[in-house]
N, C-alpha and C. Protein backbone atom coordinates (compact mmCIF):
# COMPACT_ATOMS: atom_id res chain seq x y z
N MET A 1 12.81 -0.77 -13.80
CA MET A 1 11.48 -0.21 -13.79
C MET A 1 10.87 -0.46 -12.41
N ALA A 2 10.23 0.56 -11.88
CA ALA A 2 9.55 0.44 -10.58
C ALA A 2 8.29 -0.42 -10.75
N THR A 3 7.92 -1.07 -9.69
CA THR A 3 6.72 -1.90 -9.71
C THR A 3 5.61 -1.20 -8.94
N LEU A 4 4.48 -0.99 -9.60
CA LEU A 4 3.31 -0.41 -8.95
C LEU A 4 2.30 -1.52 -8.69
N THR A 5 1.81 -1.59 -7.47
CA THR A 5 0.74 -2.53 -7.15
C THR A 5 -0.59 -1.92 -7.61
N PHE A 6 -1.64 -2.72 -7.59
CA PHE A 6 -2.97 -2.21 -7.92
C PHE A 6 -3.33 -1.04 -7.02
N ASN A 7 -3.05 -1.18 -5.72
CA ASN A 7 -3.43 -0.15 -4.76
C ASN A 7 -2.64 1.14 -4.93
N GLN A 8 -1.46 1.07 -5.54
CA GLN A 8 -0.71 2.28 -5.86
C GLN A 8 -1.24 2.89 -7.15
N LYS A 9 -1.63 2.05 -8.10
CA LYS A 9 -2.16 2.54 -9.38
C LYS A 9 -3.54 3.16 -9.21
N VAL A 10 -4.39 2.53 -8.42
CA VAL A 10 -5.75 3.01 -8.17
C VAL A 10 -5.82 3.30 -6.66
N PRO A 11 -5.28 4.46 -6.23
CA PRO A 11 -5.15 4.72 -4.80
C PRO A 11 -6.50 4.90 -4.10
N GLY A 12 -6.47 4.67 -2.83
CA GLY A 12 -7.65 4.86 -2.00
C GLY A 12 -7.43 4.19 -0.66
N PRO A 13 -8.23 4.55 0.32
CA PRO A 13 -8.07 3.96 1.65
C PRO A 13 -8.65 2.56 1.72
N ASN A 14 -8.27 1.82 2.73
CA ASN A 14 -8.88 0.54 3.07
C ASN A 14 -8.90 -0.47 1.93
N ALA A 15 -7.78 -0.63 1.27
CA ALA A 15 -7.70 -1.60 0.18
C ALA A 15 -6.91 -2.82 0.62
N LEU A 16 -7.47 -3.98 0.37
CA LEU A 16 -6.77 -5.23 0.64
C LEU A 16 -5.84 -5.54 -0.53
N PRO A 17 -4.82 -6.36 -0.34
CA PRO A 17 -3.93 -6.71 -1.46
C PRO A 17 -4.67 -7.48 -2.55
N LEU A 18 -4.29 -7.24 -3.79
CA LEU A 18 -4.88 -7.93 -4.94
C LEU A 18 -4.64 -9.43 -4.82
N ILE A 19 -5.65 -10.22 -5.16
CA ILE A 19 -5.51 -11.67 -5.18
C ILE A 19 -5.94 -12.19 -6.54
N TYR A 20 -5.44 -13.36 -6.91
CA TYR A 20 -5.87 -14.02 -8.14
C TYR A 20 -7.20 -14.72 -7.87
N HIS A 21 -8.08 -14.71 -8.87
CA HIS A 21 -9.41 -15.29 -8.70
C HIS A 21 -9.87 -15.92 -10.01
N TYR A 22 -10.37 -17.15 -9.92
CA TYR A 22 -10.99 -17.79 -11.08
C TYR A 22 -12.44 -17.36 -11.17
N PRO A 23 -12.94 -17.08 -12.37
CA PRO A 23 -14.31 -16.58 -12.52
C PRO A 23 -15.38 -17.47 -11.90
N THR A 24 -15.22 -18.79 -11.94
CA THR A 24 -16.26 -19.66 -11.43
C THR A 24 -16.11 -19.98 -9.93
N SER A 25 -15.10 -19.41 -9.28
CA SER A 25 -14.90 -19.66 -7.85
C SER A 25 -15.82 -18.80 -7.01
N ARG A 26 -16.25 -19.35 -5.88
CA ARG A 26 -16.93 -18.59 -4.83
C ARG A 26 -16.01 -18.66 -3.63
N THR A 27 -15.60 -17.50 -3.13
CA THR A 27 -14.57 -17.44 -2.10
C THR A 27 -15.10 -16.68 -0.89
N VAL A 28 -14.73 -17.15 0.29
CA VAL A 28 -15.07 -16.45 1.53
C VAL A 28 -13.77 -15.92 2.13
N ILE A 29 -13.74 -14.61 2.39
CA ILE A 29 -12.56 -13.98 2.96
C ILE A 29 -12.91 -13.47 4.36
N PRO A 30 -12.35 -14.09 5.41
CA PRO A 30 -12.61 -13.60 6.77
C PRO A 30 -11.86 -12.30 7.02
N ILE A 31 -12.55 -11.33 7.60
CA ILE A 31 -11.96 -10.01 7.85
C ILE A 31 -12.37 -9.57 9.25
N THR A 32 -11.47 -8.87 9.93
CA THR A 32 -11.79 -8.24 11.20
C THR A 32 -11.86 -6.74 10.97
N ILE A 33 -12.98 -6.13 11.36
CA ILE A 33 -13.15 -4.68 11.19
C ILE A 33 -13.28 -4.02 12.56
N ASN A 34 -13.29 -2.70 12.57
CA ASN A 34 -13.42 -1.92 13.80
C ASN A 34 -12.33 -2.29 14.80
N SER A 35 -11.14 -2.57 14.29
CA SER A 35 -9.97 -2.94 15.11
C SER A 35 -10.28 -4.07 16.08
N GLY A 36 -11.17 -4.97 15.66
CA GLY A 36 -11.52 -6.11 16.50
C GLY A 36 -12.51 -5.78 17.60
N GLY A 37 -13.08 -4.55 17.55
CA GLY A 37 -14.06 -4.15 18.55
C GLY A 37 -15.47 -4.59 18.18
N ASP A 38 -16.38 -4.32 19.04
CA ASP A 38 -17.77 -4.73 18.89
C ASP A 38 -18.43 -4.04 17.69
N ILE A 39 -19.12 -4.80 16.87
CA ILE A 39 -19.83 -4.24 15.72
C ILE A 39 -21.33 -4.55 15.77
N THR A 40 -21.84 -4.72 16.98
CA THR A 40 -23.27 -4.93 17.15
C THR A 40 -24.02 -3.73 16.56
N GLY A 41 -25.02 -3.99 15.76
CA GLY A 41 -25.79 -2.92 15.14
C GLY A 41 -25.25 -2.46 13.80
N TYR A 42 -24.12 -2.99 13.38
CA TYR A 42 -23.56 -2.63 12.07
C TYR A 42 -24.32 -3.37 10.98
N THR A 43 -24.34 -2.79 9.79
CA THR A 43 -24.86 -3.48 8.61
C THR A 43 -23.78 -3.46 7.54
N LEU A 44 -23.84 -4.46 6.67
CA LEU A 44 -22.84 -4.62 5.62
C LEU A 44 -23.54 -4.70 4.28
N GLU A 45 -22.92 -4.11 3.28
CA GLU A 45 -23.38 -4.19 1.89
C GLU A 45 -22.17 -4.42 1.02
N ALA A 46 -22.38 -4.97 -0.17
CA ALA A 46 -21.25 -5.17 -1.08
C ALA A 46 -21.71 -5.08 -2.53
N ASP A 47 -20.79 -4.66 -3.38
CA ASP A 47 -21.01 -4.66 -4.82
C ASP A 47 -19.67 -4.87 -5.49
N TYR A 48 -19.68 -5.01 -6.80
CA TYR A 48 -18.43 -5.18 -7.53
C TYR A 48 -18.53 -4.59 -8.92
N GLU A 49 -17.37 -4.27 -9.47
CA GLU A 49 -17.26 -3.75 -10.83
C GLU A 49 -15.96 -4.27 -11.42
N THR A 50 -16.01 -4.65 -12.68
CA THR A 50 -14.82 -5.14 -13.36
C THR A 50 -14.22 -4.03 -14.21
N LEU A 51 -12.95 -3.75 -13.98
CA LEU A 51 -12.18 -2.78 -14.75
C LEU A 51 -11.35 -3.54 -15.77
N ILE A 52 -11.14 -2.95 -16.93
CA ILE A 52 -10.27 -3.55 -17.95
C ILE A 52 -9.04 -2.67 -18.11
N PHE A 53 -7.86 -3.29 -17.96
CA PHE A 53 -6.60 -2.59 -18.14
C PHE A 53 -5.98 -2.97 -19.48
N ASP A 54 -5.39 -1.99 -20.17
CA ASP A 54 -4.82 -2.25 -21.50
C ASP A 54 -3.74 -3.31 -21.46
N THR A 55 -2.90 -3.24 -20.45
CA THR A 55 -1.83 -4.23 -20.30
C THR A 55 -1.43 -4.30 -18.83
N ILE A 56 -1.03 -5.47 -18.40
CA ILE A 56 -0.46 -5.64 -17.06
C ILE A 56 0.76 -6.53 -17.21
N GLN A 57 1.91 -5.99 -16.85
CA GLN A 57 3.12 -6.79 -16.89
C GLN A 57 3.29 -7.51 -15.57
N MET A 58 4.13 -8.52 -15.56
CA MET A 58 4.43 -9.25 -14.33
C MET A 58 5.86 -8.91 -13.90
N ASP A 59 6.06 -8.75 -12.59
CA ASP A 59 7.42 -8.52 -12.13
C ASP A 59 8.15 -9.86 -12.07
N ARG A 60 9.38 -9.85 -11.64
CA ARG A 60 10.19 -11.08 -11.63
C ARG A 60 9.62 -12.16 -10.71
N GLY A 61 8.82 -11.75 -9.73
CA GLY A 61 8.21 -12.71 -8.81
C GLY A 61 6.86 -13.21 -9.30
N GLY A 62 6.43 -12.77 -10.49
CA GLY A 62 5.14 -13.20 -11.02
C GLY A 62 3.96 -12.40 -10.48
N ASN A 63 4.25 -11.26 -9.87
CA ASN A 63 3.18 -10.41 -9.35
C ASN A 63 2.80 -9.35 -10.39
N PRO A 64 1.52 -9.00 -10.48
CA PRO A 64 1.11 -7.98 -11.43
C PRO A 64 1.79 -6.65 -11.16
N ASN A 65 2.28 -6.03 -12.22
CA ASN A 65 2.94 -4.73 -12.16
C ASN A 65 2.11 -3.76 -12.99
N PHE A 66 1.50 -2.79 -12.34
CA PHE A 66 0.61 -1.84 -13.00
C PHE A 66 1.33 -0.56 -13.45
N SER A 67 2.67 -0.54 -13.45
CA SER A 67 3.43 0.67 -13.77
C SER A 67 3.09 1.26 -15.12
N ASN A 68 2.87 0.42 -16.12
CA ASN A 68 2.57 0.90 -17.47
C ASN A 68 1.13 0.60 -17.88
N SER A 69 0.26 0.41 -16.90
CA SER A 69 -1.13 0.03 -17.17
C SER A 69 -2.04 1.24 -17.20
N THR A 70 -3.04 1.18 -18.07
CA THR A 70 -4.07 2.20 -18.15
C THR A 70 -5.42 1.51 -18.12
N GLN A 71 -6.31 2.01 -17.29
CA GLN A 71 -7.66 1.47 -17.29
C GLN A 71 -8.36 2.02 -18.52
N ILE A 72 -8.81 1.10 -19.41
CA ILE A 72 -9.40 1.53 -20.68
C ILE A 72 -10.92 1.40 -20.71
N GLY A 73 -11.50 0.77 -19.70
CA GLY A 73 -12.95 0.62 -19.67
C GLY A 73 -13.39 -0.20 -18.49
N ASN A 74 -14.67 -0.53 -18.47
CA ASN A 74 -15.22 -1.28 -17.36
C ASN A 74 -16.53 -1.95 -17.77
N PHE A 75 -17.01 -2.80 -16.88
CA PHE A 75 -18.33 -3.40 -17.01
C PHE A 75 -19.19 -2.79 -15.90
N PRO A 76 -20.51 -2.75 -16.08
CA PRO A 76 -21.37 -2.11 -15.08
C PRO A 76 -21.25 -2.74 -13.69
N LYS A 77 -21.45 -1.89 -12.69
CA LYS A 77 -21.43 -2.31 -11.29
C LYS A 77 -22.60 -3.25 -11.01
N VAL A 78 -22.36 -4.23 -10.13
CA VAL A 78 -23.38 -5.21 -9.74
C VAL A 78 -23.48 -5.23 -8.22
N GLU A 79 -24.70 -5.15 -7.69
CA GLU A 79 -24.92 -5.28 -6.25
C GLU A 79 -24.88 -6.75 -5.87
N ILE A 80 -24.23 -7.06 -4.77
CA ILE A 80 -24.19 -8.44 -4.27
C ILE A 80 -25.42 -8.65 -3.39
N SER A 81 -26.12 -9.76 -3.64
CA SER A 81 -27.36 -10.02 -2.91
C SER A 81 -27.48 -11.51 -2.58
N GLY A 82 -28.56 -11.83 -1.91
CA GLY A 82 -28.86 -13.23 -1.60
C GLY A 82 -27.83 -13.86 -0.68
N ALA A 83 -27.45 -15.10 -1.00
CA ALA A 83 -26.54 -15.86 -0.15
C ALA A 83 -25.10 -15.31 -0.16
N ASP A 84 -24.82 -14.33 -1.03
CA ASP A 84 -23.46 -13.82 -1.14
C ASP A 84 -23.23 -12.49 -0.42
N VAL A 85 -24.24 -11.97 0.27
CA VAL A 85 -24.01 -10.72 1.01
C VAL A 85 -23.02 -10.98 2.14
N PRO A 86 -22.24 -9.98 2.53
CA PRO A 86 -21.29 -10.17 3.63
C PRO A 86 -22.04 -10.49 4.93
N VAL A 87 -21.38 -11.26 5.78
CA VAL A 87 -22.01 -11.77 7.00
C VAL A 87 -21.17 -11.41 8.22
N ILE A 88 -21.83 -10.91 9.26
CA ILE A 88 -21.15 -10.72 10.55
C ILE A 88 -21.10 -12.09 11.22
N THR A 89 -19.89 -12.60 11.46
CA THR A 89 -19.75 -13.92 12.07
C THR A 89 -19.60 -13.86 13.59
N ASP A 90 -19.06 -12.74 14.11
CA ASP A 90 -18.95 -12.55 15.56
C ASP A 90 -18.91 -11.05 15.82
N ALA A 91 -20.05 -10.48 16.18
CA ALA A 91 -20.15 -9.03 16.39
C ALA A 91 -19.23 -8.56 17.50
N SER A 92 -19.02 -9.35 18.53
CA SER A 92 -18.21 -8.91 19.67
C SER A 92 -16.74 -8.72 19.32
N THR A 93 -16.26 -9.41 18.28
CA THR A 93 -14.84 -9.30 17.89
C THR A 93 -14.65 -8.60 16.54
N GLY A 94 -15.73 -8.10 15.94
CA GLY A 94 -15.63 -7.42 14.65
C GLY A 94 -15.35 -8.35 13.49
N SER A 95 -15.72 -9.62 13.63
CA SER A 95 -15.42 -10.62 12.60
C SER A 95 -16.54 -10.70 11.56
N ILE A 96 -16.15 -10.65 10.29
CA ILE A 96 -17.12 -10.78 9.21
C ILE A 96 -16.55 -11.72 8.14
N ASN A 97 -17.42 -12.18 7.27
CA ASN A 97 -17.02 -12.90 6.07
C ASN A 97 -17.43 -12.09 4.86
N LEU A 98 -16.44 -11.68 4.07
CA LEU A 98 -16.70 -11.06 2.78
C LEU A 98 -16.78 -12.20 1.78
N ILE A 99 -17.90 -12.31 1.09
CA ILE A 99 -18.10 -13.40 0.15
C ILE A 99 -17.92 -12.88 -1.27
N ILE A 100 -17.01 -13.52 -2.00
CA ILE A 100 -16.81 -13.19 -3.41
C ILE A 100 -17.66 -14.18 -4.20
N PRO A 101 -18.74 -13.70 -4.84
CA PRO A 101 -19.63 -14.62 -5.55
C PRO A 101 -18.93 -15.25 -6.75
N GLU A 102 -19.43 -16.42 -7.15
CA GLU A 102 -18.93 -16.98 -8.40
C GLU A 102 -19.45 -16.10 -9.54
N ASN A 103 -18.72 -16.14 -10.65
CA ASN A 103 -19.09 -15.39 -11.85
C ASN A 103 -19.13 -13.88 -11.65
N VAL A 104 -18.17 -13.34 -10.87
CA VAL A 104 -18.09 -11.89 -10.76
C VAL A 104 -17.65 -11.28 -12.09
N TYR A 105 -17.03 -12.09 -12.91
CA TYR A 105 -16.72 -11.68 -14.29
C TYR A 105 -17.07 -12.86 -15.18
N THR A 106 -17.94 -12.63 -16.16
CA THR A 106 -18.42 -13.72 -17.02
C THR A 106 -17.98 -13.56 -18.47
N GLY A 107 -17.21 -12.54 -18.76
CA GLY A 107 -16.79 -12.31 -20.13
C GLY A 107 -15.57 -13.12 -20.52
N PRO A 108 -15.13 -12.94 -21.75
CA PRO A 108 -13.96 -13.68 -22.24
C PRO A 108 -12.65 -13.13 -21.68
N ILE A 109 -11.62 -13.96 -21.77
CA ILE A 109 -10.28 -13.59 -21.33
C ILE A 109 -9.30 -13.99 -22.43
N LEU A 110 -8.33 -13.13 -22.69
CA LEU A 110 -7.27 -13.45 -23.65
C LEU A 110 -6.23 -14.30 -22.93
N VAL A 111 -6.07 -15.54 -23.34
CA VAL A 111 -5.19 -16.49 -22.66
C VAL A 111 -3.73 -16.22 -23.01
N GLY A 112 -2.88 -16.19 -21.99
CA GLY A 112 -1.45 -16.05 -22.20
C GLY A 112 -1.05 -14.67 -22.69
N ASP A 113 -2.00 -13.78 -22.77
CA ASP A 113 -1.75 -12.42 -23.24
C ASP A 113 -2.08 -11.50 -22.08
N GLN A 114 -1.22 -10.59 -21.76
CA GLN A 114 -1.49 -9.71 -20.64
C GLN A 114 -2.02 -8.36 -21.12
N THR A 115 -2.93 -8.43 -22.11
CA THR A 115 -3.60 -7.23 -22.60
C THR A 115 -5.10 -7.38 -22.37
N ASN A 116 -5.76 -6.23 -22.24
CA ASN A 116 -7.20 -6.18 -21.97
C ASN A 116 -7.56 -7.10 -20.82
N VAL A 117 -6.91 -6.85 -19.69
CA VAL A 117 -6.99 -7.72 -18.52
C VAL A 117 -8.12 -7.28 -17.59
N PRO A 118 -9.02 -8.22 -17.23
CA PRO A 118 -10.08 -7.88 -16.27
C PRO A 118 -9.59 -7.95 -14.82
N VAL A 119 -9.87 -6.89 -14.07
CA VAL A 119 -9.61 -6.84 -12.63
C VAL A 119 -10.92 -6.42 -11.98
N THR A 120 -11.48 -7.31 -11.19
CA THR A 120 -12.75 -7.00 -10.52
C THR A 120 -12.47 -6.45 -9.13
N VAL A 121 -13.15 -5.38 -8.79
CA VAL A 121 -13.01 -4.77 -7.47
C VAL A 121 -14.31 -4.98 -6.70
N VAL A 122 -14.22 -5.73 -5.60
CA VAL A 122 -15.36 -5.95 -4.72
C VAL A 122 -15.28 -4.89 -3.62
N SER A 123 -16.38 -4.16 -3.45
CA SER A 123 -16.42 -3.11 -2.45
C SER A 123 -17.35 -3.52 -1.31
N LEU A 124 -16.83 -3.47 -0.10
CA LEU A 124 -17.59 -3.76 1.10
C LEU A 124 -17.91 -2.43 1.78
N THR A 125 -19.19 -2.15 1.98
CA THR A 125 -19.61 -0.95 2.70
C THR A 125 -20.03 -1.35 4.10
N ILE A 126 -19.45 -0.67 5.08
CA ILE A 126 -19.69 -0.94 6.49
C ILE A 126 -20.44 0.26 7.07
N ILE A 127 -21.62 0.02 7.61
CA ILE A 127 -22.43 1.10 8.17
C ILE A 127 -22.58 0.84 9.67
N ASN A 128 -22.05 1.77 10.49
CA ASN A 128 -22.10 1.53 11.93
C ASN A 128 -23.48 1.87 12.48
N ALA A 129 -23.67 1.65 13.76
CA ALA A 129 -24.98 1.83 14.40
C ALA A 129 -25.46 3.28 14.34
N ASP A 130 -24.55 4.24 14.17
CA ASP A 130 -24.92 5.65 14.06
C ASP A 130 -25.16 6.09 12.62
N GLY A 131 -25.02 5.16 11.67
CA GLY A 131 -25.25 5.48 10.26
C GLY A 131 -24.02 5.95 9.50
N PHE A 132 -22.86 5.98 10.16
CA PHE A 132 -21.64 6.38 9.46
C PHE A 132 -21.15 5.23 8.58
N LYS A 133 -20.68 5.57 7.39
CA LYS A 133 -20.25 4.56 6.42
C LYS A 133 -18.75 4.59 6.21
N ASP A 134 -18.21 3.42 5.96
CA ASP A 134 -16.82 3.28 5.55
C ASP A 134 -16.80 2.17 4.50
N SER A 135 -15.77 2.13 3.72
CA SER A 135 -15.67 1.11 2.68
C SER A 135 -14.31 0.44 2.70
N LEU A 136 -14.29 -0.74 2.17
CA LEU A 136 -13.08 -1.54 2.02
C LEU A 136 -13.17 -2.17 0.64
N ARG A 137 -12.07 -2.27 -0.07
CA ARG A 137 -12.15 -2.89 -1.40
C ARG A 137 -11.16 -4.03 -1.53
N GLN A 138 -11.62 -5.04 -2.27
CA GLN A 138 -10.82 -6.24 -2.53
C GLN A 138 -10.66 -6.38 -4.03
N PRO A 139 -9.46 -6.08 -4.58
CA PRO A 139 -9.24 -6.27 -6.02
C PRO A 139 -8.93 -7.74 -6.34
N LEU A 140 -9.45 -8.20 -7.47
CA LEU A 140 -9.28 -9.58 -7.92
C LEU A 140 -8.72 -9.59 -9.34
N TYR A 141 -7.57 -10.20 -9.52
CA TYR A 141 -7.01 -10.39 -10.86
C TYR A 141 -7.72 -11.63 -11.42
N ILE A 142 -8.53 -11.43 -12.44
CA ILE A 142 -9.34 -12.53 -12.97
C ILE A 142 -8.46 -13.40 -13.87
N SER A 143 -8.34 -14.67 -13.50
CA SER A 143 -7.46 -15.60 -14.17
C SER A 143 -8.24 -16.53 -15.10
N TYR A 144 -7.58 -16.93 -16.18
CA TYR A 144 -8.20 -17.87 -17.12
C TYR A 144 -8.36 -19.25 -16.49
N GLU A 145 -9.45 -19.88 -16.79
CA GLU A 145 -9.68 -21.29 -16.46
C GLU A 145 -10.45 -21.89 -17.64
N PRO A 146 -10.46 -23.21 -17.79
CA PRO A 146 -11.07 -23.84 -18.97
C PRO A 146 -12.54 -23.52 -19.21
N ASP A 147 -13.30 -23.14 -18.18
CA ASP A 147 -14.71 -22.82 -18.38
C ASP A 147 -14.94 -21.43 -18.97
N VAL A 148 -13.89 -20.65 -19.15
CA VAL A 148 -14.00 -19.28 -19.64
C VAL A 148 -13.86 -19.25 -21.16
N VAL A 149 -14.65 -18.41 -21.79
CA VAL A 149 -14.55 -18.21 -23.24
C VAL A 149 -13.25 -17.44 -23.53
N VAL A 150 -12.50 -17.91 -24.51
CA VAL A 150 -11.28 -17.22 -24.92
C VAL A 150 -11.68 -16.09 -25.87
N GLY A 151 -11.25 -14.88 -25.54
CA GLY A 151 -11.57 -13.75 -26.40
C GLY A 151 -11.27 -12.42 -25.73
N ASP A 152 -11.58 -11.38 -26.44
CA ASP A 152 -11.29 -10.01 -26.03
C ASP A 152 -12.47 -9.43 -25.24
N PRO A 153 -12.27 -9.07 -23.97
CA PRO A 153 -13.36 -8.52 -23.17
C PRO A 153 -13.93 -7.21 -23.73
N THR A 154 -13.10 -6.45 -24.46
CA THR A 154 -13.56 -5.15 -24.96
C THR A 154 -14.57 -5.28 -26.09
N LEU A 155 -14.80 -6.50 -26.59
CA LEU A 155 -15.76 -6.71 -27.65
C LEU A 155 -17.13 -7.13 -27.13
N GLU A 156 -17.27 -7.25 -25.81
CA GLU A 156 -18.54 -7.64 -25.20
C GLU A 156 -19.55 -6.49 -25.27
N PRO A 157 -20.83 -6.80 -25.45
CA PRO A 157 -21.84 -5.75 -25.59
C PRO A 157 -21.98 -4.82 -24.39
N ASP A 158 -21.75 -5.30 -23.14
CA ASP A 158 -21.91 -4.44 -21.98
C ASP A 158 -20.61 -3.77 -21.53
N TYR A 159 -19.54 -3.92 -22.32
CA TYR A 159 -18.29 -3.22 -22.03
C TYR A 159 -18.47 -1.73 -22.31
N VAL A 160 -17.96 -0.91 -21.38
CA VAL A 160 -18.04 0.54 -21.54
C VAL A 160 -16.62 1.09 -21.64
N ALA A 161 -16.26 1.59 -22.81
CA ALA A 161 -14.93 2.16 -23.00
C ALA A 161 -14.80 3.46 -22.21
N LYS A 162 -13.63 3.66 -21.61
CA LYS A 162 -13.37 4.90 -20.87
C LYS A 162 -13.18 6.01 -21.89
N GLY A 163 -13.91 7.07 -21.72
CA GLY A 163 -13.89 8.01 -22.78
C GLY A 163 -13.48 9.34 -22.58
């Protein structure tokens, strides 16, 4: 069986490789944009949305395989604000920090079961000094940790089934 990555299953430009993420973690991902050129006058925005996949198998290396996966629903999009907005760390070299807030997914997770799997996609919008926009997305495989409620995400009140 062929292995499909998240970026092959949900195609689009400017996608970073999927990473594992614990719901209560706050992570900073350093990124260079504009090919390392000057980004003076740029502004950054970010939001995220959690998608639910019916099943995700693992390949022999333990990597998620989306070959037989179907997105069955999602949770509403959330704008990132406050201390978690992306930050330009060095405008002259195009360096920024994309901040993944804690609790990007707060619903239950089925432990040891690779069904109804939450994958959160953080979207970074880059607006240059002329007002042109580009986006970059960071997919997160949401992993179980002891602080998470064990259960089916599709039973949550704000879950929206794909219809």
